[in-house]
Amino acid sequence: MYTGIRLECLVLLIVLMFLASSRSEVNIALTGSAAQSTDRELSRWKAPQGIDGCTNQNIGSGCCAHTKDGRYKEAWWRVDLGQTMTIQNITIYYRGG
């Protein structure tokens, strides 16, 4: 059976192991750079708006990225994080409006 001190040490060890295994979610894209296949002429909806931390999905908010309309078969958008990282979750907010 565990004594009082041994039990306290065991509880402390369990708490420390739990804290070490849990991580907060951090938006690592905020420090990256973004690019997209095309930009609309005179547009404020450039690729960096997709990683500015704003999650407002209204196109008029200035938080959205938008490629050029037209006869383009393929549109793409990418983020360069600057280094190799392990990513556990990606959230994409599609624009509205």
PDB file of N, CA and C in Angstrom:
ATOM      1  N   MET A   1       0.839  -1.181   0.000  1.00  0.00           N
ATOM      2  CA  MET A   1       0.000   0.000   0.000  1.00  0.00           C
ATOM      3  C   MET A   1       0.883   1.243   0.000  1.00  0.00           C
ATOM      4  N   TYR A   2       0.411   2.331  -0.589  1.00  0.00           N
ATOM      5  CA  TYR A   2       1.164   3.568  -0.669  1.00  0.00           C
ATOM      6  C   TYR A   2       1.023   4.376   0.610  1.00  0.00           C
ATOM      7  N   THR A   3       2.134   4.979   1.040  1.00  0.00           N
ATOM      8  CA  THR A   3       2.079   5.897   2.176  1.00  0.00           C
ATOM      9  C   THR A   3       1.642   7.255   1.668  1.00  0.00           C
ATOM     10  N   GLY A   4       1.393   8.213   2.578  1.00  0.00           N
ATOM     11  CA  GLY A   4       0.923   9.549   2.198  1.00  0.00           C
ATOM     12  C   GLY A   4       1.855  10.256   1.234  1.00  0.00           C
ATOM     13  N   ILE A   5       3.163  10.206   1.504  1.00  0.00           N
ATOM     14  CA  ILE A   5       4.142  10.900   0.644  1.00  0.00           C
ATOM     15  C   ILE A   5       4.230  10.203  -0.709  1.00  0.00           C
ATOM     16  N   ARG A   6       4.252   8.890  -0.707  1.00  0.00           N
ATOM     17  CA  ARG A   6       4.334   8.158  -1.965  1.00  0.00           C
ATOM     18  C   ARG A   6       3.089   8.400  -2.817  1.00  0.00           C
ATOM     19  N   LEU A   7       1.929   8.487  -2.182  1.00  0.00           N
ATOM     20  CA  LEU A   7       0.685   8.743  -2.905  1.00  0.00           C
ATOM     21  C   LEU A   7       0.697  10.138  -3.517  1.00  0.00           C
ATOM     22  N   GLU A   8       1.192  11.127  -2.777  1.00  0.00           N
ATOM     23  CA  GLU A   8       1.284  12.496  -3.302  1.00  0.00           C
ATOM     24  C   GLU A   8       2.225  12.541  -4.500  1.00  0.00           C
ATOM     25  N   CYS A   9       3.345  11.844  -4.403  1.00  0.00           N
ATOM     26  CA  CYS A   9       4.292  11.800  -5.518  1.00  0.00           C
ATOM     27  C   CYS A   9       3.671  11.126  -6.743  1.00  0.00           C
ATOM     28  N   LEU A  10       2.925  10.073  -6.517  1.00  0.00           N
ATOM     29  CA  LEU A  10       2.266   9.372  -7.611  1.00  0.00           C
ATOM     30  C   LEU A  10       1.238  10.275  -8.292  1.00  0.00           C
ATOM     31  N   VAL A  11       0.440  10.978  -7.496  1.00  0.00           N
ATOM     32  CA  VAL A  11      -0.562  11.901  -8.051  1.00  0.00           C
ATOM     33  C   VAL A  11       0.135  13.015  -8.829  1.00  0.00           C
ATOM     34  N   LEU A  12       1.225  13.567  -8.278  1.00  0.00           N
ATOM     35  CA  LEU A  12       1.966  14.625  -8.962  1.00  0.00           C
ATOM     36  C   LEU A  12       2.532  14.119 -10.285  1.00  0.00           C
ATOM     37  N   LEU A  13       3.062  12.913 -10.286  1.00  0.00           N
ATOM     38  CA  LEU A  13       3.603  12.328 -11.508  1.00  0.00           C
ATOM     39  C   LEU A  13       2.515  12.161 -12.564  1.00  0.00           C
ATOM     40  N   ILE A  14       1.354  11.692 -12.172  1.00  0.00           N
ATOM     41  CA  ILE A  14       0.241  11.524 -13.113  1.00  0.00           C
ATOM     42  C   ILE A  14      -0.189  12.868 -13.686  1.00  0.00           C
ATOM     43  N   VAL A  15      -0.287  13.896 -12.850  1.00  0.00           N
ATOM     44  CA  VAL A  15      -0.665  15.236 -13.318  1.00  0.00           C
ATOM     45  C   VAL A  15       0.375  15.768 -14.291  1.00  0.00           C
ATOM     46  N   LEU A  16       1.658  15.615 -13.978  1.00  0.00           N
ATOM     47  CA  LEU A  16       2.720  16.089 -14.876  1.00  0.00           C
ATOM     48  C   LEU A  16       2.705  15.347 -16.207  1.00  0.00           C
ATOM     49  N   MET A  17       2.443  14.059 -16.177  1.00  0.00           N
ATOM     50  CA  MET A  17       2.358  13.300 -17.426  1.00  0.00           C
ATOM     51  C   MET A  17       1.179  13.775 -18.266  1.00  0.00           C
ATOM     52  N   PHE A  18       0.054  14.073 -17.639  1.00  0.00           N
ATOM     53  CA  PHE A  18      -1.112  14.575 -18.361  1.00  0.00           C
ATOM     54  C   PHE A  18      -0.820  15.926 -18.989  1.00  0.00           C
ATOM     55  N   LEU A  19      -0.200  16.825 -18.232  1.00  0.00           N
ATOM     56  CA  LEU A  19       0.105  18.159 -18.758  1.00  0.00           C
ATOM     57  C   LEU A  19       1.107  18.094 -19.901  1.00  0.00           C
ATOM     58  N   ALA A  20       2.072  17.203 -19.798  1.00  0.00           N
ATOM     59  CA  ALA A  20       3.076  17.076 -20.858  1.00  0.00           C
ATOM     60  C   ALA A  20       2.466  16.523 -22.140  1.00  0.00           C
ATOM     61  N   SER A  21       1.443  15.684 -22.022  1.00  0.00           N
ATOM     62  CA  SER A  21       0.856  15.084 -23.219  1.00  0.00           C
ATOM     63  C   SER A  21      -0.217  15.962 -23.860  1.00  0.00           C
ATOM     64  N   SER A  22      -0.740  16.940 -23.134  1.00  0.00           N
ATOM     65  CA  SER A  22      -1.757  17.817 -23.712  1.00  0.00           C
ATOM     66  C   SER A  22      -1.089  19.075 -24.251  1.00  0.00           C
ATOM     67  N   ARG A  23      -1.499  19.489 -25.442  1.00  0.00           N
ATOM     68  CA  ARG A  23      -0.938  20.683 -26.071  1.00  0.00           C
ATOM     69  C   ARG A  23      -2.069  21.611 -26.465  1.00  0.00           C
ATOM     70  N   SER A  24      -1.791  22.878 -26.405  1.00  0.00           N
ATOM     71  CA  SER A  24      -2.802  23.822 -26.866  1.00  0.00           C
ATOM     72  C   SER A  24      -2.712  23.920 -28.384  1.00  0.00           C
ATOM     73  N   GLU A  25      -3.827  24.244 -29.000  1.00  0.00           N
ATOM     74  CA  GLU A  25      -3.829  24.420 -30.445  1.00  0.00           C
ATOM     75  C   GLU A  25      -3.370  25.830 -30.767  1.00  0.00           C
ATOM     76  N   VAL A  26      -2.370  25.928 -31.612  1.00  0.00           N
ATOM     77  CA  VAL A  26      -1.795  27.205 -32.002  1.00  0.00           C
ATOM     78  C   VAL A  26      -1.911  27.329 -33.515  1.00  0.00           C
ATOM     79  N   ASN A  27      -2.306  28.485 -33.996  1.00  0.00           N
ATOM     80  CA  ASN A  27      -2.403  28.726 -35.427  1.00  0.00           C
ATOM     81  C   ASN A  27      -1.010  29.047 -35.961  1.00  0.00           C
ATOM     82  N   ILE A  28      -0.312  28.033 -36.457  1.00  0.00           N
ATOM     83  CA  ILE A  28       1.054  28.234 -36.940  1.00  0.00           C
ATOM     84  C   ILE A  28       1.090  28.914 -38.304  1.00  0.00           C
ATOM     85  N   ALA A  29      -0.045  29.003 -38.976  1.00  0.00           N
ATOM     86  CA  ALA A  29      -0.086  29.661 -40.286  1.00  0.00           C
ATOM     87  C   ALA A  29       0.074  31.177 -40.171  1.00  0.00           C
ATOM     88  N   LEU A  30      -0.186  31.746 -39.007  1.00  0.00           N
ATOM     89  CA  LEU A  30      -0.122  33.200 -38.843  1.00  0.00           C
ATOM     90  C   LEU A  30       1.246  33.768 -39.190  1.00  0.00           C
ATOM     91  N   THR A  31       2.303  32.989 -39.012  1.00  0.00           N
ATOM     92  CA  THR A  31       3.653  33.473 -39.305  1.00  0.00           C
ATOM     93  C   THR A  31       4.151  32.988 -40.662  1.00  0.00           C
ATOM     94  N   GLY A  32       3.308  32.299 -41.410  1.00  0.00           N
ATOM     95  CA  GLY A  32       3.698  31.778 -42.715  1.00  0.00           C
ATOM     96  C   GLY A  32       3.456  32.789 -43.827  1.00  0.00           C
ATOM     97  N   SER A  33       3.624  32.318 -45.032  1.00  0.00           N
ATOM     98  CA  SER A  33       3.306  33.149 -46.202  1.00  0.00           C
ATOM     99  C   SER A  33       2.361  32.347 -47.091  1.00  0.00           C
ATOM    100  N   ALA A  34       1.465  33.045 -47.768  1.00  0.00           N
ATOM    101  CA  ALA A  34       0.456  32.375 -48.590  1.00  0.00           C
ATOM    102  C   ALA A  34       0.551  32.856 -50.033  1.00  0.00           C
ATOM    103  N   ALA A  35       0.161  31.987 -50.939  1.00  0.00           N
ATOM    104  CA  ALA A  35       0.110  32.318 -52.372  1.00  0.00           C
ATOM    105  C   ALA A  35      -1.103  31.616 -52.956  1.00  0.00           C
ATOM    106  N   GLN A  36      -1.587  32.138 -54.097  1.00  0.00           N
ATOM    107  CA  GLN A  36      -2.701  31.507 -54.793  1.00  0.00           C
ATOM    108  C   GLN A  36      -2.484  31.615 -56.286  1.00  0.00           C
ATOM    109  N   SER A  37      -3.230  30.792 -57.027  1.00  0.00           N
ATOM    110  CA  SER A  37      -3.020  30.671 -58.469  1.00  0.00           C
ATOM    111  C   SER A  37      -3.218  31.984 -59.210  1.00  0.00           C
ATOM    112  N   THR A  38      -4.228  32.745 -58.872  1.00  0.00           N
ATOM    113  CA  THR A  38      -4.499  34.026 -59.526  1.00  0.00           C
ATOM    114  C   THR A  38      -5.075  34.995 -58.501  1.00  0.00           C
ATOM    115  N   ASP A  39      -4.968  36.284 -58.818  1.00  0.00           N
ATOM    116  CA  ASP A  39      -5.608  37.322 -58.006  1.00  0.00           C
ATOM    117  C   ASP A  39      -6.607  38.065 -58.873  1.00  0.00           C
ATOM    118  N   ARG A  40      -7.699  38.436 -58.267  1.00  0.00           N
ATOM    119  CA  ARG A  40      -8.653  39.274 -58.990  1.00  0.00           C
ATOM    120  C   ARG A  40      -8.032  40.658 -59.170  1.00  0.00           C
ATOM    121  N   GLU A  41      -8.292  41.297 -60.289  1.00  0.00           N
ATOM    122  CA  GLU A  41      -7.756  42.629 -60.531  1.00  0.00           C
ATOM    123  C   GLU A  41      -8.285  43.590 -59.474  1.00  0.00           C
ATOM    124  N   LEU A  42      -7.415  44.463 -58.985  1.00  0.00           N
ATOM    125  CA  LEU A  42      -7.770  45.480 -57.994  1.00  0.00           C
ATOM    126  C   LEU A  42      -8.470  44.863 -56.784  1.00  0.00           C
ATOM    127  N   SER A  43      -8.053  43.684 -56.425  1.00  0.00           N
ATOM    128  CA  SER A  43      -8.717  42.949 -55.355  1.00  0.00           C
ATOM    129  C   SER A  43      -8.006  43.122 -54.030  1.00  0.00           C
ATOM    130  N   ARG A  44      -8.796  43.173 -52.980  1.00  0.00           N
ATOM    131  CA  ARG A  44      -8.206  43.144 -51.642  1.00  0.00           C
ATOM    132  C   ARG A  44      -8.211  41.724 -51.093  1.00  0.00           C
ATOM    133  N   TRP A  45      -8.678  40.763 -51.891  1.00  0.00           N
ATOM    134  CA  TRP A  45      -8.812  39.378 -51.443  1.00  0.00           C
ATOM    135  C   TRP A  45      -7.596  38.555 -51.859  1.00  0.00           C
ATOM    136  N   LYS A  46      -6.440  38.965 -51.428  1.00  0.00           N
ATOM    137  CA  LYS A  46      -5.192  38.279 -51.759  1.00  0.00           C
ATOM    138  C   LYS A  46      -4.986  37.070 -50.846  1.00  0.00           C
ATOM    139  N   ALA A  47      -4.077  36.202 -51.206  1.00  0.00           N
ATOM    140  CA  ALA A  47      -3.819  34.965 -50.471  1.00  0.00           C
ATOM    141  C   ALA A  47      -3.526  35.173 -48.979  1.00  0.00           C
ATOM    142  N   PRO A  48      -2.769  36.204 -48.570  1.00  0.00           N
ATOM    143  CA  PRO A  48      -2.492  36.364 -47.139  1.00  0.00           C
ATOM    144  C   PRO A  48      -3.745  36.560 -46.276  1.00  0.00           C
ATOM    145  N   GLN A  49      -4.856  37.000 -46.879  1.00  0.00           N
ATOM    146  CA  GLN A  49      -6.094  37.139 -46.101  1.00  0.00           C
ATOM    147  C   GLN A  49      -6.585  35.785 -45.600  1.00  0.00           C
ATOM    148  N   GLY A  50      -6.119  34.719 -46.191  1.00  0.00           N
ATOM    149  CA  GLY A  50      -6.517  33.384 -45.758  1.00  0.00           C
ATOM    150  C   GLY A  50      -5.803  32.900 -44.507  1.00  0.00           C
ATOM    151  N   ILE A  51      -4.751  33.603 -44.092  1.00  0.00           N
ATOM    152  CA  ILE A  51      -4.014  33.182 -42.896  1.00  0.00           C
ATOM    153  C   ILE A  51      -3.833  34.328 -41.896  1.00  0.00           C
ATOM    154  N   ASP A  52      -4.717  35.309 -41.955  1.00  0.00           N
ATOM    155  CA  ASP A  52      -4.561  36.469 -41.066  1.00  0.00           C
ATOM    156  C   ASP A  52      -5.202  36.274 -39.694  1.00  0.00           C
ATOM    157  N   GLY A  53      -5.821  35.128 -39.478  1.00  0.00           N
ATOM    158  CA  GLY A  53      -6.436  34.844 -38.181  1.00  0.00           C
ATOM    159  C   GLY A  53      -7.901  35.228 -38.100  1.00  0.00           C
ATOM    160  N   CYS A  54      -8.388  35.980 -39.064  1.00  0.00           N
ATOM    161  CA  CYS A  54      -9.793  36.384 -39.092  1.00  0.00           C
ATOM    162  C   CYS A  54     -10.627  35.224 -39.647  1.00  0.00           C
ATOM    163  N   THR A  55     -11.697  34.858 -38.959  1.00  0.00           N
ATOM    164  CA  THR A  55     -12.546  33.761 -39.419  1.00  0.00           C
ATOM    165  C   THR A  55     -13.914  34.231 -39.894  1.00  0.00           C
ATOM    166  N   ASN A  56     -14.071  35.522 -40.109  1.00  0.00           N
ATOM    167  CA  ASN A  56     -15.319  36.070 -40.634  1.00  0.00           C
ATOM    168  C   ASN A  56     -15.466  35.587 -42.074  1.00  0.00           C
ATOM    169  N   GLN A  57     -16.557  34.930 -42.384  1.00  0.00           N
ATOM    170  CA  GLN A  57     -16.747  34.331 -43.702  1.00  0.00           C
ATOM    171  C   GLN A  57     -17.471  35.235 -44.690  1.00  0.00           C
ATOM    172  N   ASN A  58     -17.784  36.439 -44.308  1.00  0.00           N
ATOM    173  CA  ASN A  58     -18.444  37.393 -45.192  1.00  0.00           C
ATOM    174  C   ASN A  58     -17.407  37.966 -46.149  1.00  0.00           C
ATOM    175  N   ILE A  59     -17.648  37.867 -47.447  1.00  0.00           N
ATOM    176  CA  ILE A  59     -16.685  38.335 -48.449  1.00  0.00           C
ATOM    177  C   ILE A  59     -16.387  39.828 -48.291  1.00  0.00           C
ATOM    178  N   GLY A  60     -17.330  40.590 -47.781  1.00  0.00           N
ATOM    179  CA  GLY A  60     -17.119  42.021 -47.591  1.00  0.00           C
ATOM    180  C   GLY A  60     -16.257  42.375 -46.395  1.00  0.00           C
ATOM    181  N   SER A  61     -15.922  41.400 -45.572  1.00  0.00           N
ATOM    182  CA  SER A  61     -15.137  41.661 -44.365  1.00  0.00           C
ATOM    183  C   SER A  61     -13.661  41.895 -44.643  1.00  0.00           C
ATOM    184  N   GLY A  62     -13.173  41.481 -45.808  1.00  0.00           N
ATOM    185  CA  GLY A  62     -11.752  41.600 -46.107  1.00  0.00           C
ATOM    186  C   GLY A  62     -10.924  40.476 -45.514  1.00  0.00           C
ATOM    187  N   CYS A  63     -11.584  39.461 -44.970  1.00  0.00           N
ATOM    188  CA  CYS A  63     -10.885  38.326 -44.352  1.00  0.00           C
ATOM    189  C   CYS A  63     -10.682  37.164 -45.305  1.00  0.00           C
ATOM    190  N   CYS A  64     -11.240  37.235 -46.474  1.00  0.00           N
ATOM    191  CA  CYS A  64     -11.242  36.087 -47.386  1.00  0.00           C
ATOM    192  C   CYS A  64     -10.221  36.258 -48.504  1.00  0.00           C
ATOM    193  N   ALA A  65      -9.735  35.125 -49.000  1.00  0.00           N
ATOM    194  CA  ALA A  65      -8.935  35.105 -50.222  1.00  0.00           C
ATOM    195  C   ALA A  65      -9.875  34.717 -51.366  1.00  0.00           C
ATOM    196  N   HIS A  66      -9.580  35.173 -52.581  1.00  0.00           N
ATOM    197  CA  HIS A  66     -10.440  34.866 -53.718  1.00  0.00           C
ATOM    198  C   HIS A  66      -9.591  34.889 -54.978  1.00  0.00           C
ATOM    199  N   THR A  67      -9.675  33.833 -55.776  1.00  0.00           N
ATOM    200  CA  THR A  67      -8.942  33.804 -57.029  1.00  0.00           C
ATOM    201  C   THR A  67      -9.754  34.481 -58.126  1.00  0.00           C
ATOM    202  N   LYS A  68      -9.111  34.696 -59.253  1.00  0.00           N
ATOM    203  CA  LYS A  68      -9.730  35.385 -60.382  1.00  0.00           C
ATOM    204  C   LYS A  68     -10.843  34.540 -60.998  1.00  0.00           C
ATOM    205  N   ASP A  69     -11.932  35.199 -61.336  1.00  0.00           N
ATOM    206  CA  ASP A  69     -13.006  34.529 -62.067  1.00  0.00           C
ATOM    207  C   ASP A  69     -12.549  34.308 -63.504  1.00  0.00           C
ATOM    208  N   GLY A  70     -13.185  33.389 -64.188  1.00  0.00           N
ATOM    209  CA  GLY A  70     -12.863  33.231 -65.605  1.00  0.00           C
ATOM    210  C   GLY A  70     -12.725  31.795 -66.030  1.00  0.00           C
ATOM    211  N   ARG A  71     -11.932  31.606 -67.066  1.00  0.00           N
ATOM    212  CA  ARG A  71     -11.799  30.298 -67.693  1.00  0.00           C
ATOM    213  C   ARG A  71     -10.604  29.506 -67.163  1.00  0.00           C
ATOM    214  N   TYR A  72     -10.413  29.500 -65.890  1.00  0.00           N
ATOM    215  CA  TYR A  72      -9.283  28.792 -65.305  1.00  0.00           C
ATOM    216  C   TYR A  72      -9.720  27.401 -64.872  1.00  0.00           C
ATOM    217  N   LYS A  73      -8.995  26.402 -65.343  1.00  0.00           N
ATOM    218  CA  LYS A  73      -9.351  25.022 -65.038  1.00  0.00           C
ATOM    219  C   LYS A  73      -8.962  24.635 -63.620  1.00  0.00           C
ATOM    220  N   GLU A  74      -7.959  25.283 -63.091  1.00  0.00           N
ATOM    221  CA  GLU A  74      -7.451  24.876 -61.795  1.00  0.00           C
ATOM    222  C   GLU A  74      -7.136  26.107 -60.944  1.00  0.00           C
ATOM    223  N   ALA A  75      -7.674  26.130 -59.761  1.00  0.00           N
ATOM    224  CA  ALA A  75      -7.342  27.180 -58.804  1.00  0.00           C
ATOM    225  C   ALA A  75      -6.676  26.518 -57.610  1.00  0.00           C
ATOM    226  N   TRP A  76      -5.649  27.160 -57.064  1.00  0.00           N
ATOM    227  CA  TRP A  76      -4.987  26.611 -55.891  1.00  0.00           C
ATOM    228  C   TRP A  76      -4.620  27.736 -54.934  1.00  0.00           C
ATOM    229  N   TRP A  77      -4.410  27.351 -53.709  1.00  0.00           N
ATOM    230  CA  TRP A  77      -4.007  28.258 -52.641  1.00  0.00           C
ATOM    231  C   TRP A  77      -3.088  27.465 -51.738  1.00  0.00           C
ATOM    232  N   ARG A  78      -1.978  28.070 -51.314  1.00  0.00           N
ATOM    233  CA  ARG A  78      -1.043  27.325 -50.469  1.00  0.00           C
ATOM    234  C   ARG A  78      -0.446  28.216 -49.387  1.00  0.00           C
ATOM    235  N   VAL A  79       0.053  27.552 -48.366  1.00  0.00           N
ATOM    236  CA  VAL A  79       0.706  28.227 -47.246  1.00  0.00           C
ATOM    237  C   VAL A  79       2.095  27.629 -47.074  1.00  0.00           C
ATOM    238  N   ASP A  80       3.093  28.490 -46.941  1.00  0.00           N
ATOM    239  CA  ASP A  80       4.453  28.053 -46.633  1.00  0.00           C
ATOM    240  C   ASP A  80       4.701  28.391 -45.169  1.00  0.00           C
ATOM    241  N   LEU A  81       4.887  27.393 -44.340  1.00  0.00           N
ATOM    242  CA  LEU A  81       5.089  27.602 -42.907  1.00  0.00           C
ATOM    243  C   LEU A  81       6.540  27.942 -42.567  1.00  0.00           C
ATOM    244  N   GLY A  82       7.426  27.872 -43.556  1.00  0.00           N
ATOM    245  CA  GLY A  82       8.808  28.253 -43.332  1.00  0.00           C
ATOM    246  C   GLY A  82       9.706  27.126 -42.841  1.00  0.00           C
ATOM    247  N   GLN A  83       9.124  26.061 -42.360  1.00  0.00           N
ATOM    248  CA  GLN A  83       9.889  24.911 -41.906  1.00  0.00           C
ATOM    249  C   GLN A  83       8.981  23.685 -41.864  1.00  0.00           C
ATOM    250  N   THR A  84       9.581  22.521 -41.769  1.00  0.00           N
ATOM    251  CA  THR A  84       8.810  21.291 -41.667  1.00  0.00           C
ATOM    252  C   THR A  84       8.203  21.207 -40.269  1.00  0.00           C
ATOM    253  N   MET A  85       6.910  20.945 -40.206  1.00  0.00           N
ATOM    254  CA  MET A  85       6.207  20.851 -38.934  1.00  0.00           C
ATOM    255  C   MET A  85       5.246  19.674 -38.973  1.00  0.00           C
ATOM    256  N   THR A  86       4.927  19.155 -37.803  1.00  0.00           N
ATOM    257  CA  THR A  86       3.909  18.131 -37.681  1.00  0.00           C
ATOM    258  C   THR A  86       2.578  18.830 -37.450  1.00  0.00           C
ATOM    259  N   ILE A  87       1.595  18.549 -38.294  1.00  0.00           N
ATOM    260  CA  ILE A  87       0.283  19.187 -38.208  1.00  0.00           C
ATOM    261  C   ILE A  87      -0.734  18.123 -37.844  1.00  0.00           C
ATOM    262  N   GLN A  88      -1.521  18.408 -36.816  1.00  0.00           N
ATOM    263  CA  GLN A  88      -2.537  17.459 -36.397  1.00  0.00           C
ATOM    264  C   GLN A  88      -3.932  17.868 -36.834  1.00  0.00           C
ATOM    265  N   ASN A  89      -4.138  19.124 -37.183  1.00  0.00           N
ATOM    266  CA  ASN A  89      -5.477  19.592 -37.509  1.00  0.00           C
ATOM    267  C   ASN A  89      -5.385  20.773 -38.471  1.00  0.00           C
ATOM    268  N   ILE A  90      -6.225  20.769 -39.481  1.00  0.00           N
ATOM    269  CA  ILE A  90      -6.338  21.893 -40.415  1.00  0.00           C
ATOM    270  C   ILE A  90      -7.797  22.301 -40.456  1.00  0.00           C
ATOM    271  N   THR A  91      -8.060  23.589 -40.291  1.00  0.00           N
ATOM    272  CA  THR A  91      -9.415  24.113 -40.389  1.00  0.00           C
ATOM    273  C   THR A  91      -9.459  25.118 -41.531  1.00  0.00           C
ATOM    274  N   ILE A  92     -10.382  24.918 -42.453  1.00  0.00           N
ATOM    275  CA  ILE A  92     -10.570  25.832 -43.575  1.00  0.00           C
ATOM    276  C   ILE A  92     -11.966  26.421 -43.465  1.00  0.00           C
ATOM    277  N   TYR A  93     -12.048  27.740 -43.488  1.00  0.00           N
ATOM    278  CA  TYR A  93     -13.335  28.430 -43.466  1.00  0.00           C
ATOM    279  C   TYR A  93     -13.622  28.897 -44.885  1.00  0.00           C
ATOM    280  N   TYR A  94     -14.660  28.360 -45.501  1.00  0.00           N
ATOM    281  CA  TYR A  94     -15.060  28.790 -46.841  1.00  0.00           C
ATOM    282  C   TYR A  94     -15.791  30.118 -46.737  1.00  0.00           C
ATOM    283  N   ARG A  95     -15.579  30.966 -47.704  1.00  0.00           N
ATOM    284  CA  ARG A  95     -16.220  32.268 -47.652  1.00  0.00           C
ATOM    285  C   ARG A  95     -17.711  32.143 -47.923  1.00  0.00           C
ATOM    286  N   GLY A  96     -18.453  33.102 -47.434  1.00  0.00           N
ATOM    287  CA  GLY A  96     -19.875  33.166 -47.688  1.00  0.00           C
ATOM    288  C   GLY A  96     -20.160  34.353 -48.594  1.00  0.00           C
ATOM    289  N   GLY A  97     -21.404  34.536 -48.957  1.00  0.00           N
ATOM    290  CA  GLY A  97     -21.795  35.716 -49.736  1.00  0.00           C
ATOM    291  C   GLY A  97     -21.370  35.628 -51.152  1.00  0.00           C
TER     292      GLY A  97
END
